[in-house]
Amino acid sequence: MSTTPPLTFLYAPADRPDRVQKALASEADVVLVDLEDAVAPAHKGEARGNVVRMLADLPEGRRVQVRVNHPSTPWHEADVAALAGLPVAVGVRMPKVEAAEEVLAFAAALPGRELHPLIESALGVERALQIATASPRVASIGLGEADLRSDLGVDDEAGLTWARSRVIVAARAARLAPPAMSAYTNVRDLAGLAASCRAGRALGFRGRTAIHPAQLATIRAAFLPSAEEVARASEVVARVADATAAGVGAIALADGTFLDVAMVERARTVLALANADPVS
């Protein structure tokens, strides 16, 4: 599978195979096939069958996660059983996680598979680090902000700032990749999407989930480094290489800024993102 840092994650409802096929053929870095909120109760069985049929044989490198129904629902066990029969490269997106024990149950039921817990309540936010470190199979954590807004009783983005930062810090403490932002629900407001992405990037998010293919280009552009950032990162890496070859310990950029390990690692991350190509 690709090791390129993913920036775009596209949801597709599993009861709409046409949309799943379009998502799989899109430039989204990761396709999120949804058995949960996007699927009405009457269509859960049909959606599960579509997942088994459509994901049984994926092209190499195509990254896919399936969001299953919560363990408290009557569909959960059948979802997990269906997912267990799919290629192990298909990850599981776990909704409404509030405790490490939930993660461990998924890890036991789906051995060897990447786990992606979603935190969607105040209790989940408070336990973010426990959830992130519950199993070595946890590959990412993220927020489900629609349910979290309801639980917290907030209507605007400012009310989510602390929760967002808490999850970002927990991911870093657990040595996971930076979380991706939750979906921006107004698919026509690309300017608002871009502004929201920039604000999220400043907090420490990397990438974002989308609910429509039209959002992908805006998300990618917002999270890719600018030309100036790439130039500075290239200078940092080049200076370190030259100093190492010359046996020099103290390293400074042309503007007089001295480098430390954290700055070098950040520069390498910037260059990795600059070289990230969308799925073709």
Protein backbone atom coordinates (compact mmCIF):
# COMPACT_ATOMS: atom_id res chain seq x y z
CA MET A 1 0.00 0.00 0.00
CA SER A 2 1.04 3.59 -0.59
CA THR A 3 2.94 5.36 2.16
CA THR A 4 2.12 8.83 0.79
CA PRO A 5 0.45 10.91 3.54
CA PRO A 6 -3.28 11.00 2.69
CA LEU A 7 -4.94 14.40 2.44
CA THR A 8 -8.37 13.62 1.00
CA PHE A 9 -10.89 11.12 2.36
CA LEU A 10 -14.13 10.65 0.42
CA TYR A 11 -17.28 9.17 1.96
CA ALA A 12 -19.64 7.06 -0.15
CA PRO A 13 -22.84 5.42 1.14
CA ALA A 14 -22.68 1.65 0.78
CA ASP A 15 -26.31 1.43 -0.35
CA ARG A 16 -25.39 3.45 -3.45
CA PRO A 17 -22.98 1.25 -5.43
CA ASP A 18 -22.79 3.85 -8.19
CA ARG A 19 -21.37 6.37 -5.72
CA VAL A 20 -18.98 3.82 -4.27
CA GLN A 21 -17.67 3.06 -7.77
CA LYS A 22 -17.23 6.77 -8.49
CA ALA A 23 -15.40 7.23 -5.19
CA LEU A 24 -13.09 4.29 -5.92
CA ALA A 25 -12.32 5.83 -9.33
CA SER A 26 -11.83 9.34 -7.90
CA GLU A 27 -8.63 11.12 -6.89
CA ALA A 28 -9.43 10.72 -3.19
CA ASP A 29 -6.45 9.34 -1.28
CA VAL A 30 -8.76 7.21 0.89
CA VAL A 31 -12.30 6.05 0.15
CA LEU A 32 -14.61 5.75 3.17
CA VAL A 33 -17.43 3.32 2.44
CA ASP A 34 -20.21 4.01 4.91
CA LEU A 35 -22.51 1.45 6.48
CA GLU A 36 -23.51 3.76 9.31
CA ASP A 37 -25.15 7.21 9.27
CA ALA A 38 -25.49 7.53 5.50
CA VAL A 39 -27.51 4.29 5.22
CA ALA A 40 -31.15 4.03 6.32
CA PRO A 41 -32.05 1.08 8.58
CA ALA A 42 -34.11 -0.56 5.84
CA HIS A 43 -31.07 -0.62 3.54
CA LYS A 44 -28.42 -1.90 5.96
CA GLY A 45 -28.42 -5.48 4.65
CA GLU A 46 -28.26 -4.39 1.03
CA ALA A 47 -25.44 -1.98 1.84
CA ARG A 48 -23.46 -4.71 3.59
CA GLY A 49 -23.83 -7.00 0.59
CA ASN A 50 -22.57 -4.22 -1.68
CA VAL A 51 -19.47 -3.84 0.49
CA VAL A 52 -18.67 -7.54 0.26
CA ARG A 53 -19.16 -7.56 -3.50
CA MET A 54 -17.38 -4.31 -4.36
CA LEU A 55 -14.40 -4.49 -2.02
CA ALA A 56 -13.47 -8.15 -2.39
CA ASP A 57 -10.84 -7.38 -5.02
CA LEU A 58 -9.29 -3.92 -4.78
CA PRO A 59 -6.56 -2.52 -7.03
CA GLU A 60 -3.15 -2.46 -5.36
CA GLY A 61 -2.59 0.79 -3.53
CA ARG A 62 -6.27 1.79 -3.36
CA ARG A 63 -6.80 2.77 0.28
CA VAL A 64 -10.26 2.00 1.66
CA GLN A 65 -11.90 2.07 5.07
CA VAL A 66 -15.39 0.82 5.95
CA ARG A 67 -17.36 2.66 8.63
CA VAL A 68 -19.41 0.03 10.44
CA ASN A 69 -22.38 0.45 12.73
CA HIS A 70 -21.79 0.92 16.47
CA PRO A 71 -21.67 -2.18 18.71
CA SER A 72 -24.92 -1.07 20.37
CA THR A 73 -26.86 -1.47 17.11
CA PRO A 74 -28.43 -4.66 15.70
CA TRP A 75 -26.30 -4.42 12.55
CA HIS A 76 -22.87 -4.36 14.15
CA GLU A 77 -22.09 -8.08 14.34
CA ALA A 78 -23.05 -8.68 10.72
CA ASP A 79 -20.96 -5.68 9.65
CA VAL A 80 -17.89 -7.03 11.44
CA ALA A 81 -18.42 -10.52 10.01
CA ALA A 82 -18.64 -9.08 6.50
CA LEU A 83 -15.53 -6.98 6.99
CA ALA A 84 -13.60 -9.99 8.31
CA GLY A 85 -14.02 -11.62 4.90
CA LEU A 86 -12.52 -8.70 2.99
CA PRO A 87 -8.82 -8.17 2.21
CA VAL A 88 -6.93 -7.21 5.34
CA ALA A 89 -5.87 -3.96 3.65
CA VAL A 90 -9.43 -2.67 4.09
CA GLY A 91 -9.44 -0.68 7.33
CA VAL A 92 -12.32 -0.31 9.77
CA ARG A 93 -13.69 3.08 10.72
CA MET A 94 -15.16 2.81 14.21
CA PRO A 95 -17.96 5.24 15.09
CA LYS A 96 -18.72 6.88 18.42
CA VAL A 97 -15.81 5.36 20.34
CA GLU A 98 -15.72 6.27 24.03
CA ALA A 99 -13.41 3.69 25.63
CA ALA A 100 -10.27 1.69 25.00
CA GLU A 101 -12.26 -1.52 25.54
CA GLU A 102 -14.21 -0.83 22.35
CA VAL A 103 -10.97 -0.61 20.40
CA LEU A 104 -9.72 -3.86 21.90
CA ALA A 105 -12.95 -5.61 20.93
CA PHE A 106 -12.49 -4.52 17.31
CA ALA A 107 -8.85 -5.57 17.36
CA ALA A 108 -9.83 -9.04 18.59
CA ALA A 109 -12.63 -9.44 16.06
CA LEU A 110 -10.61 -8.12 13.10
CA PRO A 111 -6.98 -9.16 13.69
CA GLY A 112 -4.30 -7.57 11.57
CA ARG A 113 -6.57 -4.83 10.27
CA GLU A 114 -6.00 -1.09 10.71
CA LEU A 115 -8.39 0.55 13.17
CA HIS A 116 -9.59 4.15 12.82
CA PRO A 117 -11.63 5.22 15.88
CA LEU A 118 -13.92 8.23 15.59
CA ILE A 119 -14.48 10.31 18.70
CA GLU A 120 -17.95 11.87 18.72
CA SER A 121 -18.79 12.73 22.33
CA ALA A 122 -17.46 14.68 25.29
CA LEU A 123 -16.52 11.43 27.04
CA GLY A 124 -14.62 10.27 23.97
CA VAL A 125 -12.70 13.56 23.84
CA GLU A 126 -11.74 13.21 27.50
CA ARG A 127 -10.42 9.69 26.79
CA ALA A 128 -8.75 10.51 23.47
CA LEU A 129 -5.28 9.37 24.48
CA GLN A 130 -6.57 6.10 25.97
CA ILE A 131 -8.40 5.40 22.73
CA ALA A 132 -5.40 6.32 20.58
CA THR A 133 -3.07 4.01 22.53
CA ALA A 134 -5.49 1.13 23.17
CA SER A 135 -4.00 -1.12 20.48
CA PRO A 136 -1.02 -1.10 18.10
CA ARG A 137 -3.60 -1.61 15.33
CA VAL A 138 -4.92 1.95 15.81
CA ALA A 139 -3.69 3.78 12.71
CA SER A 140 -5.51 7.08 13.22
CA ILE A 141 -8.07 8.87 15.34
CA GLY A 142 -10.50 11.55 14.29
CA LEU A 143 -13.53 13.55 15.30
CA GLY A 144 -17.13 13.04 14.26
CA GLU A 145 -18.15 16.63 14.64
CA ALA A 146 -21.88 16.46 13.88
CA ASP A 147 -22.55 14.24 16.90
CA LEU A 148 -19.98 16.11 18.97
CA ARG A 149 -21.68 19.45 18.29
CA SER A 150 -24.94 17.96 19.49
CA ASP A 151 -23.37 16.46 22.61
CA LEU A 152 -21.62 19.72 23.52
CA GLY A 153 -24.53 21.95 22.55
CA VAL A 154 -22.42 24.19 20.30
CA ASP A 155 -23.35 25.64 16.92
CA ASP A 156 -20.18 27.25 15.64
CA GLU A 157 -16.59 26.21 14.95
CA ALA A 158 -15.24 28.15 17.94
CA GLY A 159 -17.03 25.76 20.27
CA LEU A 160 -15.05 22.84 18.84
CA THR A 161 -11.58 24.38 19.12
CA TRP A 162 -10.60 22.73 22.39
CA ALA A 163 -11.90 19.31 21.34
CA ARG A 164 -10.05 19.56 18.04
CA SER A 165 -6.81 20.47 19.75
CA ARG A 166 -7.29 17.68 22.31
CA VAL A 167 -7.55 15.05 19.58
CA ILE A 168 -4.58 16.49 17.68
CA VAL A 169 -2.45 16.36 20.84
CA ALA A 170 -3.62 12.82 21.63
CA ALA A 171 -2.70 11.64 18.13
CA ARG A 172 0.75 13.15 18.43
CA ALA A 173 1.28 11.72 21.91
CA ALA A 174 0.34 8.29 20.56
CA ARG A 175 2.78 8.72 17.65
CA LEU A 176 -0.04 8.59 15.12
CA ALA A 177 -0.40 10.67 11.99
CA PRO A 178 -2.13 14.05 12.44
CA PRO A 179 -5.92 13.64 12.35
CA ALA A 180 -7.94 14.58 9.29
CA MET A 181 -10.67 17.16 9.73
CA SER A 182 -14.31 16.17 9.84
CA ALA A 183 -16.48 16.82 6.77
CA TYR A 184 -17.63 20.29 5.72
CA THR A 185 -21.30 19.77 5.01
CA ASN A 186 -22.04 22.65 2.59
CA VAL A 187 -20.80 21.11 -0.65
CA ARG A 188 -21.40 24.33 -2.65
CA ASP A 189 -19.44 26.62 -0.34
CA LEU A 190 -15.91 25.93 -1.56
CA ALA A 191 -14.62 29.27 -0.27
CA GLY A 192 -15.89 28.45 3.19
CA LEU A 193 -14.39 24.97 2.92
CA ALA A 194 -11.00 26.41 2.00
CA ALA A 195 -11.07 28.88 4.91
CA SER A 196 -12.09 26.15 7.34
CA CYS A 197 -9.30 23.89 6.06
CA ARG A 198 -6.72 26.64 6.52
CA ALA A 199 -7.89 27.16 10.10
CA GLY A 200 -7.71 23.41 10.75
CA ARG A 201 -4.27 23.17 9.23
CA ALA A 202 -3.08 25.94 11.57
CA LEU A 203 -4.31 23.83 14.51
CA GLY A 204 -2.41 20.76 13.33
CA PHE A 205 -4.89 18.78 11.25
CA ARG A 206 -3.68 17.14 8.04
CA GLY A 207 -6.26 16.51 5.36
CA ARG A 208 -10.03 16.31 5.53
CA THR A 209 -12.97 14.05 4.87
CA ALA A 210 -15.28 15.01 2.00
CA ILE A 211 -18.87 14.10 1.24
CA HIS A 212 -18.73 15.08 -2.45
CA PRO A 213 -15.97 14.69 -5.07
CA ALA A 214 -16.23 18.42 -5.84
CA GLN A 215 -14.63 19.14 -2.46
CA LEU A 216 -11.47 17.12 -3.07
CA ALA A 217 -9.44 19.68 -5.04
CA THR A 218 -10.15 22.43 -2.51
CA ILE A 219 -9.12 20.23 0.40
CA ARG A 220 -5.94 19.09 -1.32
CA ALA A 221 -4.93 22.64 -2.21
CA ALA A 222 -5.52 23.85 1.34
CA PHE A 223 -3.31 21.19 2.92
CA LEU A 224 -0.50 21.07 0.37
CA PRO A 225 2.46 23.30 1.29
CA SER A 226 2.91 26.55 -0.59
CA ALA A 227 5.84 27.20 -2.92
CA GLU A 228 7.47 29.29 -0.20
CA GLU A 229 7.10 26.49 2.35
CA VAL A 230 8.60 23.98 -0.06
CA ALA A 231 11.53 26.28 -0.82
CA ARG A 232 12.27 26.79 2.87
CA ALA A 233 11.97 23.08 3.61
CA SER A 234 14.34 22.28 0.76
CA GLU A 235 16.83 24.77 2.15
CA VAL A 236 16.59 23.21 5.62
CA VAL A 237 17.24 19.68 4.29
CA ALA A 238 20.07 20.86 2.04
CA ARG A 239 21.77 22.78 4.85
CA VAL A 240 21.59 19.75 7.14
CA ALA A 241 23.10 17.52 4.44
CA ASP A 242 25.92 19.97 3.78
CA ALA A 243 26.64 20.45 7.48
CA THR A 244 26.65 16.70 8.12
CA ALA A 245 29.10 16.16 5.26
CA ALA A 246 31.35 18.90 6.61
CA GLY A 247 31.11 17.72 10.21
CA VAL A 248 29.53 20.99 11.34
CA GLY A 249 27.30 20.90 14.42
CA ALA A 250 25.58 24.30 14.43
CA ILE A 251 23.43 24.92 11.35
CA ALA A 252 21.74 28.17 10.33
CA LEU A 253 19.64 29.21 7.36
CA ALA A 254 20.43 32.18 5.17
CA ASP A 255 18.08 34.38 7.24
CA GLY A 256 20.01 33.54 10.40
CA THR A 257 17.55 31.02 11.85
CA PHE A 258 19.33 28.18 13.65
CA LEU A 259 17.97 24.72 13.03
CA ASP A 260 16.97 22.07 15.52
CA VAL A 261 15.80 18.48 15.11
CA ALA A 262 12.12 19.41 15.18
CA MET A 263 12.56 21.89 12.34
CA VAL A 264 14.34 19.30 10.22
CA GLU A 265 11.60 16.73 10.77
CA ARG A 266 8.99 19.35 9.91
CA ALA A 267 10.87 20.19 6.71
CA ARG A 268 10.91 16.54 5.66
CA THR A 269 7.16 16.31 6.29
CA VAL A 270 6.56 19.37 4.13
CA LEU A 271 8.57 17.86 1.28
CA ALA A 272 6.73 14.54 1.61
CA LEU A 273 3.40 16.35 1.31
CA ALA A 274 4.66 18.43 -1.62
CA ASN A 275 5.43 15.20 -3.45
CA ALA A 276 2.08 13.61 -2.62
CA ASP A 277 0.18 12.69 -5.77
CA PRO A 278 -3.57 12.08 -5.86
CA VAL A 279 -4.67 8.54 -6.65
CA SER A 280 -4.87 8.05 -10.39
